[in-house]
C-alpha atoms as a PDB file:
ATOM      1  CA  MET A   1     122.962 123.833 178.506  1.00  0.00           C
ATOM      2  CA  MET A   2     119.685 125.471 177.440  1.00  0.00           C
ATOM      3  CA  PRO A   3     117.210 126.575 180.146  1.00  0.00           C
ATOM      4  CA  HIS A   4     114.266 124.257 180.782  1.00  0.00           C
ATOM      5  CA  ARG A   5     111.911 126.765 179.181  1.00  0.00           C
ATOM      6  CA  LEU A   6     112.375 129.310 176.423  1.00  0.00           C
ATOM      7  CA  SER A   7     110.185 132.299 175.913  1.00  0.00           C
ATOM      8  CA  HIS A   8     108.224 132.384 172.665  1.00  0.00           C
ATOM      9  CA  LEU A   9     110.502 135.211 171.514  1.00  0.00           C
ATOM     10  CA  ALA A  10     113.693 133.283 172.221  1.00  0.00           C
ATOM     11  CA  ALA A  11     112.304 130.186 170.559  1.00  0.00           C
ATOM     12  CA  GLY A  12     111.373 132.248 167.527  1.00  0.00           C
ATOM     13  CA  LEU A  13     114.838 133.783 167.307  1.00  0.00           C
ATOM     14  CA  LEU A  14     116.407 130.353 167.595  1.00  0.00           C
ATOM     15  CA  SER A  15     114.235 129.045 164.762  1.00  0.00           C
ATOM     16  CA  VAL A  16     115.127 131.979 162.545  1.00  0.00           C
ATOM     17  CA  THR A  17     118.839 131.609 163.325  1.00  0.00           C
ATOM     18  CA  PHE A  18     118.716 127.898 162.533  1.00  0.00           C
ATOM     19  CA  ALA A  19     116.887 128.577 159.279  1.00  0.00           C
ATOM     20  CA  LEU A  20     119.493 131.147 158.275  1.00  0.00           C
ATOM     21  CA  LEU A  21     122.277 128.698 159.003  1.00  0.00           C
ATOM     22  CA  LEU A  22     120.586 126.146 156.775  1.00  0.00           C
ATOM     23  CA  ILE A  23     120.298 128.686 153.981  1.00  0.00           C
ATOM     24  CA  GLN A  24     123.951 129.660 154.285  1.00  0.00           C
ATOM     25  CA  GLN A  25     125.190 126.066 154.140  1.00  0.00           C
ATOM     26  CA  PRO A  26     125.393 124.150 150.848  1.00  0.00           C
ATOM     27  CA  ALA A  27     122.574 121.623 150.467  1.00  0.00           C
ATOM     28  CA  VAL A  28     125.027 118.819 149.746  1.00  0.00           C
ATOM     29  CA  VAL A  29     128.687 118.654 150.743  1.00  0.00           C
ATOM     30  CA  ALA A  30     131.218 116.522 148.869  1.00  0.00           C
ATOM     31  CA  GLY A  31     133.575 116.326 151.846  1.00  0.00           C
ATOM     32  CA  GLU A  32     136.361 118.244 153.466  1.00  0.00           C
ATOM     33  CA  TRP A  33     139.209 119.329 151.214  1.00  0.00           C
ATOM     34  CA  ASP A  34     141.742 116.943 152.746  1.00  0.00           C
ATOM     35  CA  GLU A  35     139.396 114.005 152.249  1.00  0.00           C
ATOM     36  CA  LEU A  36     138.334 114.946 148.737  1.00  0.00           C
ATOM     37  CA  THR A  37     141.905 115.370 147.559  1.00  0.00           C
ATOM     38  CA  LYS A  38     142.671 111.810 148.654  1.00  0.00           C
ATOM     39  CA  GLU A  39     140.263 110.664 145.948  1.00  0.00           C
ATOM     40  CA  SER A  40     141.867 110.153 142.545  1.00  0.00           C
ATOM     41  CA  PRO A  41     141.530 110.562 139.599  1.00  0.00           C
ATOM     42  CA  TRP A  42     139.322 113.604 139.114  1.00  0.00           C
ATOM     43  CA  VAL A  43     137.677 113.857 135.687  1.00  0.00           C
ATOM     44  CA  PHE A  44     136.043 116.948 134.180  1.00  0.00           C
ATOM     45  CA  LEU A  45     133.314 116.419 131.570  1.00  0.00           C
ATOM     46  CA  GLY A  46     131.679 119.263 129.663  1.00  0.00           C
ATOM     47  CA  ASP A  47     131.517 121.195 126.415  1.00  0.00           C
ATOM     48  CA  SER A  48     133.913 123.625 124.704  1.00  0.00           C
ATOM     49  CA  ASN A  49     134.717 125.750 127.762  1.00  0.00           C
ATOM     50  CA  THR A  50     135.738 122.632 129.636  1.00  0.00           C
ATOM     51  CA  TYR A  51     137.647 121.319 126.614  1.00  0.00           C
ATOM     52  CA  ALA A  52     139.530 124.638 126.323  1.00  0.00           C
ATOM     53  CA  GLY A  53     140.376 123.904 129.896  1.00  0.00           C
ATOM     54  CA  GLY A  54     141.524 127.157 131.426  1.00  0.00           C
ATOM     55  CA  TYR A  55     139.590 126.591 134.635  1.00  0.00           C
ATOM     56  CA  VAL A  56     140.579 122.918 134.818  1.00  0.00           C
ATOM     57  CA  ALA A  57     144.261 123.795 134.371  1.00  0.00           C
ATOM     58  CA  ALA A  58     144.018 126.513 137.039  1.00  0.00           C
ATOM     59  CA  ILE A  59     142.449 124.048 139.477  1.00  0.00           C
ATOM     60  CA  ASP A  60     145.145 121.492 138.690  1.00  0.00           C
ATOM     61  CA  ALA A  61     147.915 124.052 139.235  1.00  0.00           C
ATOM     62  CA  ALA A  62     146.402 125.121 142.558  1.00  0.00           C
ATOM     63  CA  VAL A  63     146.059 121.522 143.736  1.00  0.00           C
ATOM     64  CA  GLN A  64     149.593 120.615 142.668  1.00  0.00           C
ATOM     65  CA  GLY A  65     150.860 123.724 144.457  1.00  0.00           C
ATOM     66  CA  ASP A  66     149.170 122.841 147.754  1.00  0.00           C
ATOM     67  CA  ALA A  67     152.201 121.826 149.831  1.00  0.00           C
ATOM     68  CA  SER A  68     149.956 120.713 152.704  1.00  0.00           C
ATOM     69  CA  LEU A  69     148.653 117.745 150.720  1.00  0.00           C
ATOM     70  CA  ALA A  70     150.588 114.553 151.206  1.00  0.00           C
ATOM     71  CA  ARG A  71     148.706 113.026 148.300  1.00  0.00           C
ATOM     72  CA  LYS A  72     147.368 114.964 145.333  1.00  0.00           C
ATOM     73  CA  PRO A  73     144.670 113.837 142.925  1.00  0.00           C
ATOM     74  CA  PHE A  74     145.456 113.194 139.280  1.00  0.00           C
ATOM     75  CA  ILE A  75     143.229 115.555 137.262  1.00  0.00           C
ATOM     76  CA  VAL A  76     142.267 114.913 133.659  1.00  0.00           C
ATOM     77  CA  ASN A  77     140.151 117.105 131.400  1.00  0.00           C
ATOM     78  CA  LEU A  78     137.824 115.133 129.124  1.00  0.00           C
ATOM     79  CA  GLY A  79     135.629 117.976 127.898  1.00  0.00           C
ATOM     80  CA  MET A  80     134.433 117.876 124.290  1.00  0.00           C
ATOM     81  CA  PRO A  81     133.642 120.840 122.008  1.00  0.00           C
ATOM     82  CA  SER A  82     130.019 121.051 120.821  1.00  0.00           C
ATOM     83  CA  GLU A  83     128.938 118.312 123.238  1.00  0.00           C
ATOM     84  CA  THR A  84     125.549 117.986 124.916  1.00  0.00           C
ATOM     85  CA  ALA A  85     123.929 115.850 127.585  1.00  0.00           C
ATOM     86  CA  SER A  86     120.593 116.004 125.759  1.00  0.00           C
ATOM     87  CA  GLY A  87     121.591 114.525 122.414  1.00  0.00           C
ATOM     88  CA  LEU A  88     120.004 117.457 120.559  1.00  0.00           C
ATOM     89  CA  SER A  89     121.481 119.254 117.564  1.00  0.00           C
ATOM     90  CA  GLU A  90     120.329 122.288 115.596  1.00  0.00           C
ATOM     91  CA  PRO A  91     119.494 121.828 111.895  1.00  0.00           C
ATOM     92  CA  ASP A  92     122.289 124.130 110.728  1.00  0.00           C
ATOM     93  CA  HIS A  93     125.083 122.571 112.773  1.00  0.00           C
ATOM     94  CA  PRO A  94     127.833 121.314 110.406  1.00  0.00           C
ATOM     95  CA  PHE A  95     127.682 117.831 111.969  1.00  0.00           C
ATOM     96  CA  PRO A  96     125.422 116.148 114.545  1.00  0.00           C
ATOM     97  CA  ARG A  97     126.428 117.450 117.932  1.00  0.00           C
ATOM     98  CA  PRO A  98     128.351 114.889 119.992  1.00  0.00           C
ATOM     99  CA  CYS A  99     126.597 113.599 123.105  1.00  0.00           C
ATOM    100  CA  ILE A 100     128.353 112.539 126.290  1.00  0.00           C
ATOM    101  CA  HIS A 101     126.318 109.325 126.337  1.00  0.00           C
ATOM    102  CA  GLU A 102     128.222 108.167 123.261  1.00  0.00           C
ATOM    103  CA  ARG A 103     131.464 107.978 125.243  1.00  0.00           C
ATOM    104  CA  VAL A 104     130.814 108.113 128.986  1.00  0.00           C
ATOM    105  CA  ASP A 105     130.936 104.325 129.419  1.00  0.00           C
ATOM    106  CA  SER A 106     134.394 104.254 127.847  1.00  0.00           C
ATOM    107  CA  VAL A 107     135.573 107.191 129.976  1.00  0.00           C
ATOM    108  CA  LEU A 108     134.443 105.502 133.177  1.00  0.00           C
ATOM    109  CA  ASP A 109     135.958 102.179 132.121  1.00  0.00           C
ATOM    110  CA  VAL A 110     139.355 103.534 131.029  1.00  0.00           C
ATOM    111  CA  VAL A 111     139.928 106.266 133.618  1.00  0.00           C
ATOM    112  CA  LYS A 112     138.009 104.783 136.557  1.00  0.00           C
ATOM    113  CA  PRO A 113     137.559 108.186 138.184  1.00  0.00           C
ATOM    114  CA  SER A 114     136.881 108.694 141.873  1.00  0.00           C
ATOM    115  CA  VAL A 115     135.443 112.197 141.364  1.00  0.00           C
ATOM    116  CA  VAL A 116     133.584 113.400 138.256  1.00  0.00           C
ATOM    117  CA  PHE A 117     132.709 117.043 137.546  1.00  0.00           C
ATOM    118  CA  ILE A 118     130.016 117.629 134.916  1.00  0.00           C
ATOM    119  CA  CYS A 119     129.140 120.939 133.251  1.00  0.00           C
ATOM    120  CA  TYR A 120     126.545 120.817 130.472  1.00  0.00           C
ATOM    121  CA  GLY A 121     123.828 123.133 129.206  1.00  0.00           C
ATOM    122  CA  MET A 122     125.336 125.722 126.864  1.00  0.00           C
ATOM    123  CA  ASN A 123     124.684 123.603 123.773  1.00  0.00           C
ATOM    124  CA  ASP A 124     121.692 121.657 125.079  1.00  0.00           C
ATOM    125  CA  GLY A 125     119.164 124.369 124.258  1.00  0.00           C
ATOM    126  CA  ILE A 126     120.620 124.441 120.706  1.00  0.00           C
ATOM    127  CA  TYR A 127     120.603 128.272 120.850  1.00  0.00           C
ATOM    128  CA  ALA A 128     116.828 128.450 120.382  1.00  0.00           C
ATOM    129  CA  PRO A 129     114.082 129.861 122.624  1.00  0.00           C
ATOM    130  CA  LEU A 130     113.189 128.046 125.819  1.00  0.00           C
ATOM    131  CA  SER A 131     110.988 125.014 125.245  1.00  0.00           C
ATOM    132  CA  GLU A 132     109.731 122.277 127.537  1.00  0.00           C
ATOM    133  CA  GLU A 133     110.699 119.614 125.017  1.00  0.00           C
ATOM    134  CA  ARG A 134     114.333 120.681 124.952  1.00  0.00           C
ATOM    135  CA  MET A 135     114.435 121.196 128.725  1.00  0.00           C
ATOM    136  CA  GLN A 136     113.082 117.695 129.221  1.00  0.00           C
ATOM    137  CA  ALA A 137     115.773 116.264 126.945  1.00  0.00           C
ATOM    138  CA  TYR A 138     118.388 118.109 129.022  1.00  0.00           C
ATOM    139  CA  ARG A 139     116.959 116.891 132.327  1.00  0.00           C
ATOM    140  CA  GLN A 140     116.755 113.291 131.137  1.00  0.00           C
ATOM    141  CA  GLY A 141     120.285 113.422 129.744  1.00  0.00           C
ATOM    142  CA  MET A 142     121.687 114.755 133.009  1.00  0.00           C
ATOM    143  CA  LEU A 143     119.779 112.177 135.054  1.00  0.00           C
ATOM    144  CA  ARG A 144     121.107 109.340 132.879  1.00  0.00           C
ATOM    145  CA  LEU A 145     124.651 110.687 133.118  1.00  0.00           C
ATOM    146  CA  ALA A 146     124.457 111.006 136.897  1.00  0.00           C
ATOM    147  CA  GLU A 147     123.118 107.480 137.232  1.00  0.00           C
ATOM    148  CA  LYS A 148     126.038 106.032 135.273  1.00  0.00           C
ATOM    149  CA  ILE A 149     128.589 107.971 137.325  1.00  0.00           C
ATOM    150  CA  ARG A 150     127.019 106.934 140.640  1.00  0.00           C
ATOM    151  CA  LYS A 151     126.835 103.316 139.490  1.00  0.00           C
ATOM    152  CA  GLN A 152     130.576 103.447 138.823  1.00  0.00           C
ATOM    153  CA  GLY A 153     131.054 104.515 142.446  1.00  0.00           C
ATOM    154  CA  ALA A 154     132.500 107.978 141.818  1.00  0.00           C
ATOM    155  CA  LYS A 155     131.608 111.158 143.648  1.00  0.00           C
ATOM    156  CA  LEU A 156     129.577 113.443 141.390  1.00  0.00           C
ATOM    157  CA  ILE A 157     129.961 117.213 141.396  1.00  0.00           C
ATOM    158  CA  CYS A 158     127.570 119.136 139.174  1.00  0.00           C
ATOM    159  CA  LEU A 159     128.650 122.536 137.884  1.00  0.00           C
ATOM    160  CA  THR A 160     125.728 124.672 136.758  1.00  0.00           C
ATOM    161  CA  PRO A 161     125.722 125.989 133.190  1.00  0.00           C
ATOM    162  CA  PRO A 162     127.416 129.401 133.126  1.00  0.00           C
ATOM    163  CA  LEU A 163     125.875 132.265 131.119  1.00  0.00           C
ATOM    164  CA  PHE A 164     125.331 133.268 127.525  1.00  0.00           C
ATOM    165  CA  GLU A 165     126.412 136.853 126.800  1.00  0.00           C
ATOM    166  CA  VAL A 166     124.198 138.468 124.196  1.00  0.00           C
ATOM    167  CA  ALA A 167     126.007 141.839 123.954  1.00  0.00           C
ATOM    168  CA  PRO A 168     129.069 140.672 121.949  1.00  0.00           C
ATOM    169  CA  VAL A 169     126.814 138.773 119.527  1.00  0.00           C
ATOM    170  CA  ALA A 170     124.419 141.673 119.060  1.00  0.00           C
ATOM    171  CA  LYS A 171     127.341 144.035 118.506  1.00  0.00           C
ATOM    172  CA  GLN A 172     128.516 141.839 115.635  1.00  0.00           C
ATOM    173  CA  GLY A 173     124.996 141.626 114.175  1.00  0.00           C
ATOM    174  CA  LYS A 174     124.918 137.845 114.496  1.00  0.00           C
ATOM    175  CA  LEU A 175     121.708 137.254 116.405  1.00  0.00           C
ATOM    176  CA  GLY A 176     119.241 134.748 114.971  1.00  0.00           C
ATOM    177  CA  PRO A 177     117.127 133.560 113.442  1.00  0.00           C
ATOM    178  CA  THR A 178     118.687 132.838 110.047  1.00  0.00           C
ATOM    179  CA  ALA A 179     116.913 133.689 106.795  1.00  0.00           C
ATOM    180  CA  GLU A 180     115.386 130.206 106.973  1.00  0.00           C
ATOM    181  CA  GLY A 181     114.006 130.926 110.432  1.00  0.00           C
ATOM    182  CA  ASN A 182     116.474 128.726 112.319  1.00  0.00           C
ATOM    183  CA  TYR A 183     118.608 129.330 115.378  1.00  0.00           C
ATOM    184  CA  ALA A 184     122.147 128.027 115.723  1.00  0.00           C
ATOM    185  CA  TRP A 185     125.439 128.706 117.501  1.00  0.00           C
ATOM    186  CA  PHE A 186     126.245 131.265 114.784  1.00  0.00           C
ATOM    187  CA  ALA A 187     122.728 132.784 114.915  1.00  0.00           C
ATOM    188  CA  PRO A 188     121.509 132.437 118.519  1.00  0.00           C
ATOM    189  CA  PHE A 189     118.209 133.510 120.032  1.00  0.00           C
ATOM    190  CA  GLU A 190     118.526 136.966 121.586  1.00  0.00           C
ATOM    191  CA  ASN A 191     117.325 135.808 125.009  1.00  0.00           C
ATOM    192  CA  TYR A 192     119.135 132.477 124.971  1.00  0.00           C
ATOM    193  CA  ASP A 193     120.566 133.173 128.417  1.00  0.00           C
ATOM    194  CA  GLU A 194     117.053 132.532 129.770  1.00  0.00           C
ATOM    195  CA  VAL A 195     117.524 128.896 128.759  1.00  0.00           C
ATOM    196  CA  LEU A 196     120.765 128.599 130.729  1.00  0.00           C
ATOM    197  CA  ALA A 197     119.103 130.298 133.706  1.00  0.00           C
ATOM    198  CA  GLU A 198     116.383 127.625 133.720  1.00  0.00           C
ATOM    199  CA  GLN A 199     118.948 124.851 133.372  1.00  0.00           C
ATOM    200  CA  ALA A 200     120.965 126.228 136.281  1.00  0.00           C
ATOM    201  CA  LYS A 201     117.827 126.571 138.400  1.00  0.00           C
ATOM    202  CA  TRP A 202     117.022 122.931 137.749  1.00  0.00           C
ATOM    203  CA  CYS A 203     120.601 121.804 138.535  1.00  0.00           C
ATOM    204  CA  LEU A 204     120.439 123.575 141.891  1.00  0.00           C
ATOM    205  CA  LYS A 205     117.406 121.473 142.831  1.00  0.00           C
ATOM    206  CA  ASN A 206     119.817 118.539 142.632  1.00  0.00           C
ATOM    207  CA  GLU A 207     117.389 116.037 141.217  1.00  0.00           C
ATOM    208  CA  ILE A 208     120.425 114.171 139.878  1.00  0.00           C
ATOM    209  CA  GLU A 209     121.488 113.538 143.497  1.00  0.00           C
ATOM    210  CA  ALA A 210     125.004 114.870 143.023  1.00  0.00           C
ATOM    211  CA  ASP A 211     127.340 114.898 146.009  1.00  0.00           C
ATOM    212  CA  GLN A 212     127.625 118.643 145.455  1.00  0.00           C
ATOM    213  CA  VAL A 213     126.196 121.277 143.131  1.00  0.00           C
ATOM    214  CA  ILE A 214     128.337 124.371 142.505  1.00  0.00           C
ATOM    215  CA  ASP A 215     126.615 127.480 141.157  1.00  0.00           C
ATOM    216  CA  LEU A 216     128.996 128.805 138.505  1.00  0.00           C
ATOM    217  CA  ARG A 217     126.322 130.957 136.906  1.00  0.00           C
ATOM    218  CA  THR A 218     125.693 133.194 139.905  1.00  0.00           C
ATOM    219  CA  ALA A 219     129.429 133.476 140.586  1.00  0.00           C
ATOM    220  CA  LEU A 220     130.077 134.701 137.047  1.00  0.00           C
ATOM    221  CA  LEU A 221     127.110 137.089 137.021  1.00  0.00           C
ATOM    222  CA  GLU A 222     128.173 138.715 140.290  1.00  0.00           C
ATOM    223  CA  TYR A 223     131.788 138.999 139.164  1.00  0.00           C
ATOM    224  CA  LYS A 224     130.724 140.492 135.844  1.00  0.00           C
ATOM    225  CA  GLN A 225     128.599 143.105 137.595  1.00  0.00           C
ATOM    226  CA  ARG A 226     131.623 144.141 139.648  1.00  0.00           C
ATOM    227  CA  LEU A 227     133.843 144.412 136.584  1.00  0.00           C
ATOM    228  CA  GLN A 228     131.231 146.444 134.709  1.00  0.00           C
ATOM    229  CA  GLN A 229     131.322 149.102 137.402  1.00  0.00           C
ATOM    230  CA  THR A 230     134.594 150.263 135.866  1.00  0.00           C
ATOM    231  CA  ASP A 231     133.991 149.027 132.302  1.00  0.00           C
ATOM    232  CA  SER A 232     130.323 149.048 131.325  1.00  0.00           C
ATOM    233  CA  ASP A 233     131.040 147.108 128.119  1.00  0.00           C
ATOM    234  CA  PHE A 234     132.984 144.311 129.808  1.00  0.00           C
ATOM    235  CA  ALA A 235     132.177 140.768 128.650  1.00  0.00           C
ATOM    236  CA  PHE A 236     133.872 137.453 129.401  1.00  0.00           C
ATOM    237  CA  SER A 237     133.601 136.311 125.779  1.00  0.00           C
ATOM    238  CA  GLY A 238     133.855 137.655 122.277  1.00  0.00           C
ATOM    239  CA  ASP A 239     131.102 135.444 120.892  1.00  0.00           C
ATOM    240  CA  GLY A 240     128.742 135.008 123.836  1.00  0.00           C
ATOM    241  CA  VAL A 241     129.903 131.454 124.550  1.00  0.00           C
ATOM    242  CA  HIS A 242     133.664 130.913 124.761  1.00  0.00           C
ATOM    243  CA  PHE A 243     135.228 132.509 127.821  1.00  0.00           C
ATOM    244  CA  GLY A 244     138.612 134.171 128.138  1.00  0.00           C
ATOM    245  CA  THR A 245     141.205 133.778 130.871  1.00  0.00           C
ATOM    246  CA  GLU A 246     139.457 136.080 133.348  1.00  0.00           C
ATOM    247  CA  ALA A 247     136.327 133.932 133.470  1.00  0.00           C
ATOM    248  CA  HIS A 248     138.283 130.674 133.596  1.00  0.00           C
ATOM    249  CA  ASP A 249     140.344 131.886 136.554  1.00  0.00           C
ATOM    250  CA  TRP A 250     137.204 132.998 138.379  1.00  0.00           C
ATOM    251  CA  LEU A 251     135.514 129.657 137.718  1.00  0.00           C
ATOM    252  CA  ALA A 252     138.540 127.881 139.161  1.00  0.00           C
ATOM    253  CA  ARG A 253     138.484 130.040 142.301  1.00  0.00           C
ATOM    254  CA  THR A 254     134.745 129.483 142.702  1.00  0.00           C
ATOM    255  CA  ILE A 255     135.067 125.718 142.431  1.00  0.00           C
ATOM    256  CA  LEU A 256     138.032 125.567 144.805  1.00  0.00           C
ATOM    257  CA  LYS A 257     136.188 127.722 147.337  1.00  0.00           C
ATOM    258  CA  GLU A 258     133.068 125.561 147.193  1.00  0.00           C
ATOM    259  CA  LEU A 259     135.166 122.416 147.577  1.00  0.00           C
ATOM    260  CA  GLY A 260     136.546 123.830 150.805  1.00  0.00           C
ATOM    261  CA  ALA A 261     140.097 124.484 149.626  1.00  0.00           C
ATOM    262  CA  PRO A 262     142.257 126.648 151.904  1.00  0.00           C
ATOM    263  CA  GLU A 263     142.345 130.350 151.074  1.00  0.00           C
ATOM    264  CA  ALA A 264     145.920 130.128 149.788  1.00  0.00           C
ATOM    265  CA  VAL A 265     144.869 127.411 147.322  1.00  0.00           C
ATOM    266  CA  GLN A 266     141.868 129.433 146.162  1.00  0.00           C
ATOM    267  CA  GLN A 267     144.104 132.456 145.518  1.00  0.00           C
ATOM    268  CA  HIS A 268     146.813 130.522 143.674  1.00  0.00           C
ATOM    269  CA  GLN A 269     148.302 132.805 141.026  1.00  0.00           C
ATOM    270  CA  LEU A 270     149.533 131.658 137.623  1.00  0.00           C
ATOM    271  CA  THR A 271     152.351 133.563 135.963  1.00  0.00           C
ATOM    272  CA  GLU A 272     152.442 133.606 132.170  1.00  0.00           C
ATOM    273  CA  THR A 273     155.155 130.937 132.243  1.00  0.00           C
ATOM    274  CA  SER A 274     153.343 128.670 134.689  1.00  0.00           C
ATOM    275  CA  ARG A 275     150.038 129.126 132.847  1.00  0.00           C
ATOM    276  CA  ASN A 276     151.583 128.096 129.535  1.00  0.00           C
ATOM    277  CA  ARG A 277     153.239 125.084 131.134  1.00  0.00           C
ATOM    278  CA  THR A 278     150.066 124.052 132.966  1.00  0.00           C
ATOM    279  CA  MET A 279     147.938 124.385 129.832  1.00  0.00           C
ATOM    280  CA  LYS A 280     150.441 122.390 127.782  1.00  0.00           C
ATOM    281  CA  ARG A 281     150.430 119.653 130.408  1.00  0.00           C
ATOM    282  CA  MET A 282     146.647 119.556 130.500  1.00  0.00           C
ATOM    283  CA  HIS A 283     146.352 119.408 126.692  1.00  0.00           C
ATOM    284  CA  LEU A 284     148.822 116.527 126.502  1.00  0.00           C
ATOM    285  CA  LEU A 285     146.775 114.488 128.956  1.00  0.00           C
ATOM    286  CA  ARG A 286     143.426 115.590 127.540  1.00  0.00           C
ATOM    287  CA  ASP A 287     144.275 114.588 123.979  1.00  0.00           C
ATOM    288  CA  ALA A 288     145.765 111.272 125.083  1.00  0.00           C
ATOM    289  CA  TYR A 289     142.759 110.293 127.170  1.00  0.00           C
ATOM    290  CA  ILE A 290     140.278 111.401 124.497  1.00  0.00           C
ATOM    291  CA  GLU A 291     142.233 109.308 121.990  1.00  0.00           C
ATOM    292  CA  ALA A 292     142.016 106.333 124.353  1.00  0.00           C
ATOM    293  CA  THR A 293     138.361 106.726 125.328  1.00  0.00           C
ATOM    294  CA  GLY A 294     136.977 107.593 121.890  1.00  0.00           C
ATOM    295  CA  LYS A 295     136.299 110.668 119.781  1.00  0.00           C
ATOM    296  CA  ASN A 296     132.708 111.521 118.962  1.00  0.00           C
ATOM    297  CA  ARG A 297     133.437 114.745 117.094  1.00  0.00           C
ATOM    298  CA  PRO A 298     135.447 115.525 113.929  1.00  0.00           C
ATOM    299  CA  GLY A 299     138.426 117.874 113.914  1.00  0.00           C
ATOM    300  CA  LEU A 300     140.129 116.871 117.147  1.00  0.00           C
ATOM    301  CA  PRO A 301     143.934 116.618 117.356  1.00  0.00           C
ATOM    302  CA  GLU A 302     145.579 113.233 117.526  1.00  0.00           C
ATOM    303  CA  GLY A 303     146.647 112.281 121.030  1.00  0.00           C
ATOM    304  CA  LEU A 304     149.732 110.457 122.209  1.00  0.00           C
ATOM    305  CA  SER A 305     149.464 107.150 124.038  1.00  0.00           C
ATOM    306  CA  ILE A 306     148.588 107.598 127.695  1.00  0.00           C
ATOM    307  CA  PRO A 307     152.022 106.403 128.944  1.00  0.00           C
ATOM    308  CA  GLU A 308     153.866 108.756 126.576  1.00  0.00           C
ATOM    309  CA  ALA A 309     151.632 111.721 127.412  1.00  0.00           C
ATOM    310  CA  THR A 310     151.936 111.016 131.130  1.00  0.00           C
ATOM    311  CA  GLN A 311     155.715 110.939 130.925  1.00  0.00           C
ATOM    312  CA  LYS A 312     155.818 114.286 129.116  1.00  0.00           C
ATOM    313  CA  ALA A 313     153.261 115.767 131.520  1.00  0.00           C
ATOM    314  CA  ASP A 314     155.313 114.685 134.533  1.00  0.00           C
ATOM    315  CA  VAL A 315     158.354 116.462 133.124  1.00  0.00           C
ATOM    316  CA  LEU A 316     156.305 119.663 132.819  1.00  0.00           C
ATOM    317  CA  LEU A 317     155.017 119.256 136.367  1.00  0.00           C
ATOM    318  CA  GLU A 318     158.561 119.037 137.666  1.00  0.00           C
ATOM    319  CA  SER A 319     159.799 122.040 135.652  1.00  0.00           C
ATOM    320  CA  PRO A 320     160.923 125.120 137.622  1.00  0.00           C
ATOM    321  CA  ARG A 321     158.115 127.556 138.267  1.00  0.00           C
END
């Protein structure tokens, strides 16, 4: 029990300590790991890095490998290459960029997720300099998306946009603008990462009222700085946008940590064999569910029916590790 009176010094120290505790705790918590993993299905929505799915597959493998869970969530990746939340598209893009709002109602209706992860931003600035008009389109798109997910009754977890790496693009001489004065994914603005920084800053304010916001950007930046201590030219991508395995694994660990997963789950290691099997399983389910919920982009593979894909995915899940 506290004494009846505290000295001004003690009261001040208590206030500072309390403030530090508030800073160290996440602003919003989605729930303890055991409780969150009782919710199912989990759906991941996002652009090409989500569609590629390395981090989603790593999370799925870690969850499926958690022997302490009596019940494990079904995880499905419904990312879409080129997609935005803003509905914007650069003039030189070969087709109008897909927008999540063209298919989110179908996703929510077909899958009926209990937890939805969203990660948008990379394409929303359309690779041009920062502008209030484009930022407003991004904010409004994210707010609309969050409202639909909350209305469906699912928990919402917002993943901040990651980072754009200018060095690999500059090295290849592919920085914009084009001869016509335009910016695009193949000719990006040199300081395009400033756009993602502003998007991430806005996400962390949590105006979309997500159950949790996870800062992927800072996690990647700090990890990259560590790796560059031994390799000054290290980059997660070859084109500034699409990450390799190292980044995907780190994103998975970051997300699992922020969700409160046990240390052993966070550190789950994939062998080459288990990674290939996990990715194959994820792609089977991804393509089937995209086929069932609607494609809003050309060039996607044809998916199996959901029952057929699920059957094949279950066989892979049960395969020896």
